[in-house]
């Protein structure tokens, strides 16, 4: 029996968000509009 570990649940919204960031070249907080995505992630992660 195999137990799935770390199986990602990736839907259309997640794929669209990643694709948008990759197309814009915004991979870091200093790149183009990347800062807003990094800040939003850090804010949501800080809740945990």
C-alpha atoms as a PDB file:
ATOM      1  CA  UNK A   1       0.000   0.000   0.000  1.00  0.00           C
ATOM      2  CA  UNK A   2       1.317   3.426  -0.935  1.00  0.00           C
ATOM      3  CA  UNK A   3       0.564   6.517   1.108  1.00  0.00           C
ATOM      4  CA  UNK A   4       0.657   9.736  -0.889  1.00  0.00           C
ATOM      5  CA  UNK A   5       2.797  12.349   0.823  1.00  0.00           C
ATOM      6  CA  UNK A   6       2.975  15.949  -0.324  1.00  0.00           C
ATOM      7  CA  UNK A   7       0.553  15.490  -3.184  1.00  0.00           C
ATOM      8  CA  UNK A   8      -0.144  19.004  -4.482  1.00  0.00           C
ATOM      9  CA  UNK A   9      -3.699  20.185  -5.008  1.00  0.00           C
ATOM     10  CA  UNK A  10      -3.245  22.568  -7.907  1.00  0.00           C
ATOM     11  CA  UNK A  11      -6.235  23.993  -9.705  1.00  0.00           C
ATOM     12  CA  UNK A  12      -6.801  26.426 -12.551  1.00  0.00           C
ATOM     13  CA  UNK A  13      -6.503  29.469 -10.271  1.00  0.00           C
ATOM     14  CA  UNK A  14      -3.110  28.401  -8.929  1.00  0.00           C
ATOM     15  CA  UNK A  15      -1.794  27.635 -12.405  1.00  0.00           C
ATOM     16  CA  UNK A  16      -3.035  31.003 -13.690  1.00  0.00           C
ATOM     17  CA  UNK A  17      -1.355  32.863 -10.809  1.00  0.00           C
ATOM     18  CA  UNK A  18       1.995  31.140 -11.313  1.00  0.00           C
ATOM     19  CA  UNK A  19       1.833  31.591 -15.087  1.00  0.00           C
ATOM     20  CA  UNK A  20       1.088  35.290 -14.690  1.00  0.00           C
ATOM     21  CA  UNK A  21       4.058  35.819 -12.389  1.00  0.00           C
ATOM     22  CA  UNK A  22       6.388  33.863 -14.677  1.00  0.00           C
ATOM     23  CA  UNK A  23       5.248  35.816 -17.760  1.00  0.00           C
ATOM     24  CA  UNK A  24       5.786  39.133 -15.952  1.00  0.00           C
ATOM     25  CA  UNK A  25       9.243  38.141 -14.706  1.00  0.00           C
ATOM     26  CA  UNK A  26       8.194  38.992 -11.165  1.00  0.00           C
ATOM     27  CA  UNK A  27       9.986  36.218  -9.291  1.00  0.00           C
ATOM     28  CA  UNK A  28      11.365  38.289  -6.418  1.00  0.00           C
ATOM     29  CA  UNK A  29      10.116  41.106  -4.244  1.00  0.00           C
ATOM     30  CA  UNK A  30      12.256  43.601  -6.176  1.00  0.00           C
ATOM     31  CA  UNK A  31      11.103  42.547  -9.671  1.00  0.00           C
ATOM     32  CA  UNK A  32       8.323  44.518 -11.372  1.00  0.00           C
ATOM     33  CA  UNK A  33       5.089  43.707  -9.544  1.00  0.00           C
ATOM     34  CA  UNK A  34       6.590  40.786  -7.667  1.00  0.00           C
ATOM     35  CA  UNK A  35       6.686  42.779  -4.465  1.00  0.00           C
ATOM     36  CA  UNK A  36       2.933  42.795  -4.094  1.00  0.00           C
ATOM     37  CA  UNK A  37       2.751  39.016  -4.462  1.00  0.00           C
ATOM     38  CA  UNK A  38       5.591  38.432  -2.007  1.00  0.00           C
ATOM     39  CA  UNK A  39       4.060  40.820   0.526  1.00  0.00           C
ATOM     40  CA  UNK A  40       0.640  39.171   0.225  1.00  0.00           C
ATOM     41  CA  UNK A  41       2.201  35.727   0.721  1.00  0.00           C
ATOM     42  CA  UNK A  42       4.239  36.858   3.714  1.00  0.00           C
ATOM     43  CA  UNK A  43       1.183  38.460   5.304  1.00  0.00           C
ATOM     44  CA  UNK A  44      -0.913  35.304   4.892  1.00  0.00           C
ATOM     45  CA  UNK A  45       1.947  33.077   6.081  1.00  0.00           C
ATOM     46  CA  UNK A  46       2.503  35.226   9.177  1.00  0.00           C
ATOM     47  CA  UNK A  47      -0.961  34.265  10.434  1.00  0.00           C
ATOM     48  CA  UNK A  48       0.320  30.743  11.057  1.00  0.00           C
END
